[in-house]
Amino acid sequence: MAARVNHGEIWLYRFKAPDKRRPVLVLSRQEAIPLLHTVMVAPVTSTIRDAPSQVVVGIDEGMKGPSAISLDHVQTVERSRLVQYVGALGPAKRREVCRALTIATGCV
């Protein structure tokens, strides 16, 4: 049985070789996740650029150290390749992600 994936969670995603597992934030709305084989995600990187389209996360969200969710690099991936739960964003961080996504898409 596959693990339940939820909106606002950080998971390790298994990229195709030669890459390795990397953290991603699940952006898909909760109602769509069980209906689709794919989910919309944003990569989480250790490179923090202080860009308005990034949201900084850390230990409170399950990361090993300071990292940034990059909303400029949103992609749709296979849900089955989400292999390990890392953590979840609280309500305040989810609101920051929504603001950064608005900036990243130019829908201001």
PDB file of N, CA and C in Angstrom:
ATOM      1  N   MET A   1       0.841  -1.191   0.000  1.00  0.00           N
ATOM      2  CA  MET A   1       0.000   0.000   0.000  1.00  0.00           C
ATOM      3  C   MET A   1       0.881   1.248   0.000  1.00  0.00           C
ATOM      4  N   ALA A   2       0.614   2.161  -0.880  1.00  0.00           N
ATOM      5  CA  ALA A   2       1.404   3.385  -0.999  1.00  0.00           C
ATOM      6  C   ALA A   2       1.102   4.334   0.157  1.00  0.00           C
ATOM      7  N   ALA A   3       2.122   5.097   0.539  1.00  0.00           N
ATOM      8  CA  ALA A   3       1.946   6.087   1.596  1.00  0.00           C
ATOM      9  C   ALA A   3       1.023   7.195   1.105  1.00  0.00           C
ATOM     10  N   ARG A   4       0.286   7.767   2.021  1.00  0.00           N
ATOM     11  CA  ARG A   4      -0.603   8.868   1.658  1.00  0.00           C
ATOM     12  C   ARG A   4       0.197  10.166   1.578  1.00  0.00           C
ATOM     13  N   VAL A   5       0.093  10.807   0.462  1.00  0.00           N
ATOM     14  CA  VAL A   5       0.790  12.069   0.209  1.00  0.00           C
ATOM     15  C   VAL A   5      -0.216  13.195   0.388  1.00  0.00           C
ATOM     16  N   ASN A   6       0.203  14.261   1.055  1.00  0.00           N
ATOM     17  CA  ASN A   6      -0.691  15.383   1.323  1.00  0.00           C
ATOM     18  C   ASN A   6      -0.099  16.708   0.852  1.00  0.00           C
ATOM     19  N   HIS A   7      -0.997  17.623   0.514  1.00  0.00           N
ATOM     20  CA  HIS A   7      -0.616  18.990   0.169  1.00  0.00           C
ATOM     21  C   HIS A   7       0.194  19.588   1.317  1.00  0.00           C
ATOM     22  N   GLY A   8       1.271  20.297   0.985  1.00  0.00           N
ATOM     23  CA  GLY A   8       2.066  20.978   2.003  1.00  0.00           C
ATOM     24  C   GLY A   8       3.120  20.116   2.669  1.00  0.00           C
ATOM     25  N   GLU A   9       3.286  18.879   2.201  1.00  0.00           N
ATOM     26  CA  GLU A   9       4.307  18.002   2.770  1.00  0.00           C
ATOM     27  C   GLU A   9       5.573  18.034   1.926  1.00  0.00           C
ATOM     28  N   ILE A  10       6.693  17.799   2.594  1.00  0.00           N
ATOM     29  CA  ILE A  10       7.977  17.653   1.909  1.00  0.00           C
ATOM     30  C   ILE A  10       8.300  16.164   1.865  1.00  0.00           C
ATOM     31  N   TRP A  11       8.618  15.686   0.664  1.00  0.00           N
ATOM     32  CA  TRP A  11       8.966  14.286   0.434  1.00  0.00           C
ATOM     33  C   TRP A  11      10.290  14.218  -0.322  1.00  0.00           C
ATOM     34  N   LEU A  12      10.987  13.097  -0.179  1.00  0.00           N
ATOM     35  CA  LEU A  12      12.118  12.831  -1.054  1.00  0.00           C
ATOM     36  C   LEU A  12      11.565  12.242  -2.335  1.00  0.00           C
ATOM     37  N   TYR A  13      12.022  12.777  -3.457  1.00  0.00           N
ATOM     38  CA  TYR A  13      11.586  12.322  -4.772  1.00  0.00           C
ATOM     39  C   TYR A  13      12.750  11.603  -5.444  1.00  0.00           C
ATOM     40  N   ARG A  14      12.493  10.421  -5.975  1.00  0.00           N
ATOM     41  CA  ARG A  14      13.524   9.632  -6.653  1.00  0.00           C
ATOM     42  C   ARG A  14      13.546  10.022  -8.125  1.00  0.00           C
ATOM     43  N   PHE A  15      14.523  10.844  -8.484  1.00  0.00           N
ATOM     44  CA  PHE A  15      14.688  11.251  -9.874  1.00  0.00           C
ATOM     45  C   PHE A  15      15.275  10.096 -10.669  1.00  0.00           C
ATOM     46  N   LYS A  16      15.147  10.158 -11.978  1.00  0.00           N
ATOM     47  CA  LYS A  16      15.735   9.133 -12.841  1.00  0.00           C
ATOM     48  C   LYS A  16      17.250   9.250 -12.787  1.00  0.00           C
ATOM     49  N   ALA A  17      17.926   8.118 -12.985  1.00  0.00           N
ATOM     50  CA  ALA A  17      19.389   8.073 -12.938  1.00  0.00           C
ATOM     51  C   ALA A  17      19.955   9.102 -13.916  1.00  0.00           C
ATOM     52  N   PRO A  18      21.088   9.694 -13.638  1.00  0.00           N
ATOM     53  CA  PRO A  18      22.005   9.394 -12.553  1.00  0.00           C
ATOM     54  C   PRO A  18      21.743  10.210 -11.294  1.00  0.00           C
ATOM     55  N   ASP A  19      20.681  10.997 -11.278  1.00  0.00           N
ATOM     56  CA  ASP A  19      20.398  11.837 -10.116  1.00  0.00           C
ATOM     57  C   ASP A  19      20.009  10.973  -8.930  1.00  0.00           C
ATOM     58  N   LYS A  20      19.880  11.594  -7.778  1.00  0.00           N
ATOM     59  CA  LYS A  20      19.519  10.861  -6.572  1.00  0.00           C
ATOM     60  C   LYS A  20      18.202  11.370  -6.031  1.00  0.00           C
ATOM     61  N   ARG A  21      17.913  11.003  -4.806  1.00  0.00           N
ATOM     62  CA  ARG A  21      16.679  11.463  -4.174  1.00  0.00           C
ATOM     63  C   ARG A  21      16.870  12.895  -3.688  1.00  0.00           C
ATOM     64  N   ARG A  22      15.863  13.707  -3.946  1.00  0.00           N
ATOM     65  CA  ARG A  22      15.924  15.118  -3.546  1.00  0.00           C
ATOM     66  C   ARG A  22      14.589  15.524  -2.930  1.00  0.00           C
ATOM     67  N   PRO A  23      14.614  16.484  -1.993  1.00  0.00           N
ATOM     68  CA  PRO A  23      13.355  16.910  -1.378  1.00  0.00           C
ATOM     69  C   PRO A  23      12.534  17.799  -2.304  1.00  0.00           C
ATOM     70  N   VAL A  24      11.228  17.601  -2.238  1.00  0.00           N
ATOM     71  CA  VAL A  24      10.275  18.424  -2.990  1.00  0.00           C
ATOM     72  C   VAL A  24       9.086  18.724  -2.086  1.00  0.00           C
ATOM     73  N   LEU A  25       8.447  19.852  -2.333  1.00  0.00           N
ATOM     74  CA  LEU A  25       7.224  20.218  -1.623  1.00  0.00           C
ATOM     75  C   LEU A  25       6.034  19.884  -2.506  1.00  0.00           C
ATOM     76  N   VAL A  26       5.050  19.184  -1.962  1.00  0.00           N
ATOM     77  CA  VAL A  26       3.837  18.847  -2.712  1.00  0.00           C
ATOM     78  C   VAL A  26       2.932  20.076  -2.750  1.00  0.00           C
ATOM     79  N   LEU A  27       2.621  20.541  -3.971  1.00  0.00           N
ATOM     80  CA  LEU A  27       1.791  21.724  -4.174  1.00  0.00           C
ATOM     81  C   LEU A  27       0.366  21.394  -4.606  1.00  0.00           C
ATOM     82  N   SER A  28       0.156  20.214  -5.168  1.00  0.00           N
ATOM     83  CA  SER A  28      -1.182  19.850  -5.666  1.00  0.00           C
ATOM     84  C   SER A  28      -2.218  20.001  -4.567  1.00  0.00           C
ATOM     85  N   ARG A  29      -3.409  20.455  -4.957  1.00  0.00           N
ATOM     86  CA  ARG A  29      -4.470  20.598  -3.959  1.00  0.00           C
ATOM     87  C   ARG A  29      -4.870  19.216  -3.457  1.00  0.00           C
ATOM     88  N   GLN A  30      -5.255  19.152  -2.200  1.00  0.00           N
ATOM     89  CA  GLN A  30      -5.513  17.879  -1.531  1.00  0.00           C
ATOM     90  C   GLN A  30      -6.537  17.022  -2.271  1.00  0.00           C
ATOM     91  N   GLU A  31      -7.592  17.637  -2.773  1.00  0.00           N
ATOM     92  CA  GLU A  31      -8.671  16.882  -3.420  1.00  0.00           C
ATOM     93  C   GLU A  31      -8.200  16.173  -4.693  1.00  0.00           C
ATOM     94  N   ALA A  32      -7.181  16.704  -5.354  1.00  0.00           N
ATOM     95  CA  ALA A  32      -6.708  16.125  -6.615  1.00  0.00           C
ATOM     96  C   ALA A  32      -5.720  14.977  -6.417  1.00  0.00           C
ATOM     97  N   ILE A  33      -5.030  14.958  -5.296  1.00  0.00           N
ATOM     98  CA  ILE A  33      -3.943  13.987  -5.106  1.00  0.00           C
ATOM     99  C   ILE A  33      -4.401  12.535  -5.260  1.00  0.00           C
ATOM    100  N   PRO A  34      -5.476  12.095  -4.604  1.00  0.00           N
ATOM    101  CA  PRO A  34      -5.858  10.681  -4.753  1.00  0.00           C
ATOM    102  C   PRO A  34      -6.415  10.333  -6.134  1.00  0.00           C
ATOM    103  N   LEU A  35      -6.788  11.322  -6.912  1.00  0.00           N
ATOM    104  CA  LEU A  35      -7.399  11.081  -8.219  1.00  0.00           C
ATOM    105  C   LEU A  35      -6.387  10.974  -9.352  1.00  0.00           C
ATOM    106  N   LEU A  36      -5.172  11.459  -9.128  1.00  0.00           N
ATOM    107  CA  LEU A  36      -4.172  11.544 -10.191  1.00  0.00           C
ATOM    108  C   LEU A  36      -2.942  10.699  -9.866  1.00  0.00           C
ATOM    109  N   HIS A  37      -2.237  10.286 -10.899  1.00  0.00           N
ATOM    110  CA  HIS A  37      -0.982   9.551 -10.715  1.00  0.00           C
ATOM    111  C   HIS A  37       0.205  10.501 -10.625  1.00  0.00           C
ATOM    112  N   THR A  38      -0.054  11.776 -10.849  1.00  0.00           N
ATOM    113  CA  THR A  38       1.002  12.777 -10.793  1.00  0.00           C
ATOM    114  C   THR A  38       0.646  13.845  -9.764  1.00  0.00           C
ATOM    115  N   VAL A  39       1.674  14.535  -9.290  1.00  0.00           N
ATOM    116  CA  VAL A  39       1.476  15.656  -8.369  1.00  0.00           C
ATOM    117  C   VAL A  39       2.368  16.809  -8.809  1.00  0.00           C
ATOM    118  N   MET A  40       1.933  18.004  -8.498  1.00  0.00           N
ATOM    119  CA  MET A  40       2.726  19.198  -8.761  1.00  0.00           C
ATOM    120  C   MET A  40       3.626  19.427  -7.545  1.00  0.00           C
ATOM    121  N   VAL A  41       4.923  19.629  -7.801  1.00  0.00           N
ATOM    122  CA  VAL A  41       5.882  19.811  -6.713  1.00  0.00           C
ATOM    123  C   VAL A  41       6.813  20.979  -7.013  1.00  0.00           C
ATOM    124  N   ALA A  42       7.456  21.463  -5.963  1.00  0.00           N
ATOM    125  CA  ALA A  42       8.523  22.460  -6.088  1.00  0.00           C
ATOM    126  C   ALA A  42       9.759  21.887  -5.403  1.00  0.00           C
ATOM    127  N   PRO A  43      10.921  22.001  -6.029  1.00  0.00           N
ATOM    128  CA  PRO A  43      12.135  21.467  -5.416  1.00  0.00           C
ATOM    129  C   PRO A  43      12.552  22.279  -4.195  1.00  0.00           C
ATOM    130  N   VAL A  44      13.193  21.578  -3.260  1.00  0.00           N
ATOM    131  CA  VAL A  44      13.755  22.213  -2.072  1.00  0.00           C
ATOM    132  C   VAL A  44      15.270  22.110  -2.211  1.00  0.00           C
ATOM    133  N   THR A  45      15.950  23.236  -2.118  1.00  0.00           N
ATOM    134  CA  THR A  45      17.389  23.286  -2.366  1.00  0.00           C
ATOM    135  C   THR A  45      18.130  23.905  -1.185  1.00  0.00           C
ATOM    136  N   SER A  46      19.395  23.560  -1.057  1.00  0.00           N
ATOM    137  CA  SER A  46      20.216  24.175  -0.002  1.00  0.00           C
ATOM    138  C   SER A  46      20.750  25.538  -0.437  1.00  0.00           C
ATOM    139  N   THR A  47      20.558  25.892  -1.711  1.00  0.00           N
ATOM    140  CA  THR A  47      20.997  27.192  -2.223  1.00  0.00           C
ATOM    141  C   THR A  47      19.905  28.232  -1.976  1.00  0.00           C
ATOM    142  N   ILE A  48      20.163  29.113  -1.034  1.00  0.00           N
ATOM    143  CA  ILE A  48      19.197  30.156  -0.686  1.00  0.00           C
ATOM    144  C   ILE A  48      19.641  31.450  -1.357  1.00  0.00           C
ATOM    145  N   ARG A  49      18.783  31.981  -2.222  1.00  0.00           N
ATOM    146  CA  ARG A  49      19.135  33.172  -3.007  1.00  0.00           C
ATOM    147  C   ARG A  49      18.388  34.424  -2.557  1.00  0.00           C
ATOM    148  N   ASP A  50      17.593  34.334  -1.537  1.00  0.00           N
ATOM    149  CA  ASP A  50      16.825  35.479  -1.059  1.00  0.00           C
ATOM    150  C   ASP A  50      15.960  36.068  -2.171  1.00  0.00           C
ATOM    151  N   ALA A  51      15.421  35.205  -3.022  1.00  0.00           N
ATOM    152  CA  ALA A  51      14.529  35.631  -4.104  1.00  0.00           C
ATOM    153  C   ALA A  51      13.089  35.638  -3.594  1.00  0.00           C
ATOM    154  N   PRO A  52      12.247  36.524  -4.090  1.00  0.00           N
ATOM    155  CA  PRO A  52      10.857  36.567  -3.628  1.00  0.00           C
ATOM    156  C   PRO A  52      10.059  35.324  -4.026  1.00  0.00           C
ATOM    157  N   SER A  53      10.605  34.524  -4.930  1.00  0.00           N
ATOM    158  CA  SER A  53       9.939  33.290  -5.350  1.00  0.00           C
ATOM    159  C   SER A  53      10.458  32.076  -4.582  1.00  0.00           C
ATOM    160  N   GLN A  54      11.236  32.309  -3.535  1.00  0.00           N
ATOM    161  CA  GLN A  54      11.710  31.239  -2.661  1.00  0.00           C
ATOM    162  C   GLN A  54      11.104  31.404  -1.274  1.00  0.00           C
ATOM    163  N   VAL A  55      10.924  30.266  -0.595  1.00  0.00           N
ATOM    164  CA  VAL A  55      10.482  30.267   0.800  1.00  0.00           C
ATOM    165  C   VAL A  55      11.502  29.456   1.591  1.00  0.00           C
ATOM    166  N   VAL A  56      12.070  30.060   2.618  1.00  0.00           N
ATOM    167  CA  VAL A  56      13.082  29.390   3.428  1.00  0.00           C
ATOM    168  C   VAL A  56      12.405  28.479   4.448  1.00  0.00           C
ATOM    169  N   VAL A  57      12.915  27.244   4.532  1.00  0.00           N
ATOM    170  CA  VAL A  57      12.438  26.255   5.503  1.00  0.00           C
ATOM    171  C   VAL A  57      13.652  25.695   6.230  1.00  0.00           C
ATOM    172  N   GLY A  58      13.397  24.938   7.295  1.00  0.00           N
ATOM    173  CA  GLY A  58      14.500  24.385   8.063  1.00  0.00           C
ATOM    174  C   GLY A  58      14.085  23.205   8.909  1.00  0.00           C
ATOM    175  N   ILE A  59      14.680  23.118  10.063  1.00  0.00           N
ATOM    176  CA  ILE A  59      14.465  21.981  10.959  1.00  0.00           C
ATOM    177  C   ILE A  59      12.995  21.831  11.337  1.00  0.00           C
ATOM    178  N   ASP A  60      12.291  22.933  11.547  1.00  0.00           N
ATOM    179  CA  ASP A  60      10.867  22.869  11.920  1.00  0.00           C
ATOM    180  C   ASP A  60      10.018  22.176  10.859  1.00  0.00           C
ATOM    181  N   GLU A  61      10.485  22.186   9.614  1.00  0.00           N
ATOM    182  CA  GLU A  61       9.748  21.559   8.510  1.00  0.00           C
ATOM    183  C   GLU A  61      10.333  20.200   8.127  1.00  0.00           C
ATOM    184  N   GLY A  62      11.275  19.695   8.932  1.00  0.00           N
ATOM    185  CA  GLY A  62      11.838  18.369   8.699  1.00  0.00           C
ATOM    186  C   GLY A  62      13.155  18.339   7.945  1.00  0.00           C
ATOM    187  N   MET A  63      13.671  19.502   7.583  1.00  0.00           N
ATOM    188  CA  MET A  63      14.933  19.562   6.843  1.00  0.00           C
ATOM    189  C   MET A  63      16.108  19.472   7.817  1.00  0.00           C
ATOM    190  N   LYS A  64      17.274  19.089   7.310  1.00  0.00           N
ATOM    191  CA  LYS A  64      18.467  18.974   8.157  1.00  0.00           C
ATOM    192  C   LYS A  64      19.060  20.335   8.498  1.00  0.00           C
ATOM    193  N   GLY A  65      18.775  21.324   7.661  1.00  0.00           N
ATOM    194  CA  GLY A  65      19.291  22.668   7.865  1.00  0.00           C
ATOM    195  C   GLY A  65      18.529  23.637   6.990  1.00  0.00           C
ATOM    196  N   PRO A  66      18.948  24.904   6.976  1.00  0.00           N
ATOM    197  CA  PRO A  66      18.249  25.898   6.161  1.00  0.00           C
ATOM    198  C   PRO A  66      18.236  25.501   4.683  1.00  0.00           C
ATOM    199  N   SER A  67      17.071  25.615   4.083  1.00  0.00           N
ATOM    200  CA  SER A  67      16.863  25.268   2.674  1.00  0.00           C
ATOM    201  C   SER A  67      15.821  26.214   2.108  1.00  0.00           C
ATOM    202  N   ALA A  68      15.674  26.198   0.786  1.00  0.00           N
ATOM    203  CA  ALA A  68      14.695  27.073   0.143  1.00  0.00           C
ATOM    204  C   ALA A  68      13.818  26.272  -0.810  1.00  0.00           C
ATOM    205  N   ILE A  69      12.519  26.518  -0.728  1.00  0.00           N
ATOM    206  CA  ILE A  69      11.578  25.970  -1.699  1.00  0.00           C
ATOM    207  C   ILE A  69      11.621  26.912  -2.894  1.00  0.00           C
ATOM    208  N   SER A  70      11.925  26.374  -4.059  1.00  0.00           N
ATOM    209  CA  SER A  70      12.070  27.193  -5.263  1.00  0.00           C
ATOM    210  C   SER A  70      10.800  27.114  -6.103  1.00  0.00           C
ATOM    211  N   LEU A  71       9.968  28.150  -6.025  1.00  0.00           N
ATOM    212  CA  LEU A  71       8.702  28.167  -6.757  1.00  0.00           C
ATOM    213  C   LEU A  71       8.881  28.531  -8.226  1.00  0.00           C
ATOM    214  N   ASP A  72      10.094  28.882  -8.634  1.00  0.00           N
ATOM    215  CA  ASP A  72      10.373  29.124 -10.051  1.00  0.00           C
ATOM    216  C   ASP A  72      10.598  27.827 -10.819  1.00  0.00           C
ATOM    217  N   HIS A  73      10.683  26.705 -10.117  1.00  0.00           N
ATOM    218  CA  HIS A  73      10.997  25.425 -10.756  1.00  0.00           C
ATOM    219  C   HIS A  73       9.926  24.369 -10.491  1.00  0.00           C
ATOM    220  N   VAL A  74       8.682  24.770 -10.478  1.00  0.00           N
ATOM    221  CA  VAL A  74       7.561  23.849 -10.262  1.00  0.00           C
ATOM    222  C   VAL A  74       7.492  22.860 -11.421  1.00  0.00           C
ATOM    223  N   GLN A  75       7.198  21.607 -11.097  1.00  0.00           N
ATOM    224  CA  GLN A  75       7.030  20.586 -12.129  1.00  0.00           C
ATOM    225  C   GLN A  75       6.011  19.547 -11.684  1.00  0.00           C
ATOM    226  N   THR A  76       5.514  18.789 -12.637  1.00  0.00           N
ATOM    227  CA  THR A  76       4.595  17.696 -12.350  1.00  0.00           C
ATOM    228  C   THR A  76       5.381  16.400 -12.432  1.00  0.00           C
ATOM    229  N   VAL A  77       5.241  15.564 -11.392  1.00  0.00           N
ATOM    230  CA  VAL A  77       6.019  14.326 -11.309  1.00  0.00           C
ATOM    231  C   VAL A  77       5.104  13.156 -10.958  1.00  0.00           C
ATOM    232  N   GLU A  78       5.621  11.957 -11.147  1.00  0.00           N
ATOM    233  CA  GLU A  78       4.876  10.756 -10.783  1.00  0.00           C
ATOM    234  C   GLU A  78       4.804  10.640  -9.263  1.00  0.00           C
ATOM    235  N   ARG A  79       3.600  10.484  -8.758  1.00  0.00           N
ATOM    236  CA  ARG A  79       3.407  10.367  -7.310  1.00  0.00           C
ATOM    237  C   ARG A  79       4.145   9.155  -6.747  1.00  0.00           C
ATOM    238  N   SER A  80       4.229   8.074  -7.518  1.00  0.00           N
ATOM    239  CA  SER A  80       4.871   6.843  -7.052  1.00  0.00           C
ATOM    240  C   SER A  80       6.363   7.017  -6.790  1.00  0.00           C
ATOM    241  N   ARG A  81       6.962   8.097  -7.289  1.00  0.00           N
ATOM    242  CA  ARG A  81       8.389   8.333  -7.078  1.00  0.00           C
ATOM    243  C   ARG A  81       8.671   9.150  -5.811  1.00  0.00           C
ATOM    244  N   LEU A  82       7.613   9.520  -5.093  1.00  0.00           N
ATOM    245  CA  LEU A  82       7.789  10.138  -3.773  1.00  0.00           C
ATOM    246  C   LEU A  82       8.051   8.991  -2.809  1.00  0.00           C
ATOM    247  N   VAL A  83       9.273   8.904  -2.297  1.00  0.00           N
ATOM    248  CA  VAL A  83       9.691   7.684  -1.605  1.00  0.00           C
ATOM    249  C   VAL A  83       9.833   7.804  -0.092  1.00  0.00           C
ATOM    250  N   GLN A  84       9.951   9.005   0.440  1.00  0.00           N
ATOM    251  CA  GLN A  84      10.133   9.124   1.889  1.00  0.00           C
ATOM    252  C   GLN A  84       9.620  10.472   2.384  1.00  0.00           C
ATOM    253  N   TYR A  85       8.759  10.417   3.385  1.00  0.00           N
ATOM    254  CA  TYR A  85       8.229  11.624   4.016  1.00  0.00           C
ATOM    255  C   TYR A  85       9.351  12.320   4.773  1.00  0.00           C
ATOM    256  N   VAL A  86       9.429  13.636   4.641  1.00  0.00           N
ATOM    257  CA  VAL A  86      10.447  14.429   5.333  1.00  0.00           C
ATOM    258  C   VAL A  86       9.817  15.296   6.416  1.00  0.00           C
ATOM    259  N   GLY A  87       8.742  16.002   6.081  1.00  0.00           N
ATOM    260  CA  GLY A  87       8.112  16.911   7.030  1.00  0.00           C
ATOM    261  C   GLY A  87       6.951  17.631   6.374  1.00  0.00           C
ATOM    262  N   ALA A  88       6.425  18.619   7.080  1.00  0.00           N
ATOM    263  CA  ALA A  88       5.266  19.354   6.559  1.00  0.00           C
ATOM    264  C   ALA A  88       5.370  20.820   6.943  1.00  0.00           C
ATOM    265  N   LEU A  89       4.739  21.655   6.131  1.00  0.00           N
ATOM    266  CA  LEU A  89       4.696  23.086   6.408  1.00  0.00           C
ATOM    267  C   LEU A  89       3.499  23.404   7.283  1.00  0.00           C
ATOM    268  N   GLY A  90       3.692  24.329   8.189  1.00  0.00           N
ATOM    269  CA  GLY A  90       2.585  24.835   8.979  1.00  0.00           C
ATOM    270  C   GLY A  90       1.805  25.870   8.180  1.00  0.00           C
ATOM    271  N   PRO A  91       0.700  26.353   8.730  1.00  0.00           N
ATOM    272  CA  PRO A  91      -0.147  27.310   8.010  1.00  0.00           C
ATOM    273  C   PRO A  91       0.583  28.578   7.558  1.00  0.00           C
ATOM    274  N   ALA A  92       1.451  29.134   8.387  1.00  0.00           N
ATOM    275  CA  ALA A  92       2.153  30.371   8.015  1.00  0.00           C
ATOM    276  C   ALA A  92       3.088  30.134   6.830  1.00  0.00           C
ATOM    277  N   LYS A  93       3.822  29.035   6.841  1.00  0.00           N
ATOM    278  CA  LYS A  93       4.723  28.724   5.720  1.00  0.00           C
ATOM    279  C   LYS A  93       3.929  28.420   4.456  1.00  0.00           C
ATOM    280  N   ARG A  94       2.770  27.769   4.584  1.00  0.00           N
ATOM    281  CA  ARG A  94       1.940  27.496   3.401  1.00  0.00           C
ATOM    282  C   ARG A  94       1.471  28.808   2.771  1.00  0.00           C
ATOM    283  N   ARG A  95       1.135  29.798   3.600  1.00  0.00           N
ATOM    284  CA  ARG A  95       0.746  31.111   3.069  1.00  0.00           C
ATOM    285  C   ARG A  95       1.923  31.776   2.350  1.00  0.00           C
ATOM    286  N   GLU A  96       3.132  31.632   2.906  1.00  0.00           N
ATOM    287  CA  GLU A  96       4.325  32.171   2.241  1.00  0.00           C
ATOM    288  C   GLU A  96       4.523  31.518   0.875  1.00  0.00           C
ATOM    289  N   VAL A  97       4.299  30.201   0.802  1.00  0.00           N
ATOM    290  CA  VAL A  97       4.430  29.481  -0.469  1.00  0.00           C
ATOM    291  C   VAL A  97       3.421  30.018  -1.479  1.00  0.00           C
ATOM    292  N   CYS A  98       2.196  30.252  -1.051  1.00  0.00           N
ATOM    293  CA  CYS A  98       1.172  30.786  -1.967  1.00  0.00           C
ATOM    294  C   CYS A  98       1.581  32.155  -2.502  1.00  0.00           C
ATOM    295  N   ARG A  99       2.131  33.010  -1.632  1.00  0.00           N
ATOM    296  CA  ARG A  99       2.592  34.329  -2.082  1.00  0.00           C
ATOM    297  C   ARG A  99       3.753  34.193  -3.069  1.00  0.00           C
ATOM    298  N   ALA A 100       4.705  33.325  -2.757  1.00  0.00           N
ATOM    299  CA  ALA A 100       5.867  33.137  -3.629  1.00  0.00           C
ATOM    300  C   ALA A 100       5.457  32.534  -4.969  1.00  0.00           C
ATOM    301  N   LEU A 101       4.470  31.657  -4.966  1.00  0.00           N
ATOM    302  CA  LEU A 101       3.983  31.059  -6.214  1.00  0.00           C
ATOM    303  C   LEU A 101       3.306  32.116  -7.086  1.00  0.00           C
ATOM    304  N   THR A 102       2.601  33.027  -6.459  1.00  0.00           N
ATOM    305  CA  THR A 102       1.986  34.135  -7.192  1.00  0.00           C
ATOM    306  C   THR A 102       3.059  34.986  -7.865  1.00  0.00           C
ATOM    307  N   ILE A 103       4.139  35.251  -7.148  1.00  0.00           N
ATOM    308  CA  ILE A 103       5.246  36.029  -7.712  1.00  0.00           C
ATOM    309  C   ILE A 103       5.920  35.249  -8.840  1.00  0.00           C
ATOM    310  N   ALA A 104       6.163  33.957  -8.629  1.00  0.00           N
ATOM    311  CA  ALA A 104       6.851  33.134  -9.631  1.00  0.00           C
ATOM    312  C   ALA A 104       6.074  33.042 -10.938  1.00  0.00           C
ATOM    313  N   THR A 105       4.753  33.084 -10.860  1.00  0.00           N
ATOM    314  CA  THR A 105       3.930  32.960 -12.067  1.00  0.00           C
ATOM    315  C   THR A 105       3.545  34.312 -12.662  1.00  0.00           C
ATOM    316  N   GLY A 106       3.911  35.395 -11.990  1.00  0.00           N
ATOM    317  CA  GLY A 106       3.584  36.722 -12.498  1.00  0.00           C
ATOM    318  C   GLY A 106       2.120  37.083 -12.357  1.00  0.00           C
ATOM    319  N   CYS A 107       1.419  36.403 -11.480  1.00  0.00           N
ATOM    320  CA  CYS A 107      -0.024  36.655 -11.277  1.00  0.00           C
ATOM    321  C   CYS A 107      -0.248  37.620 -10.128  1.00  0.00           C
ATOM    322  N   VAL A 108       0.546  38.657 -10.067  1.00  0.00           N
ATOM    323  CA  VAL A 108       0.464  39.631  -8.977  1.00  0.00           C
ATOM    324  C   VAL A 108      -0.574  40.677  -9.305  1.00  0.00           C
TER     325      VAL A 108
END
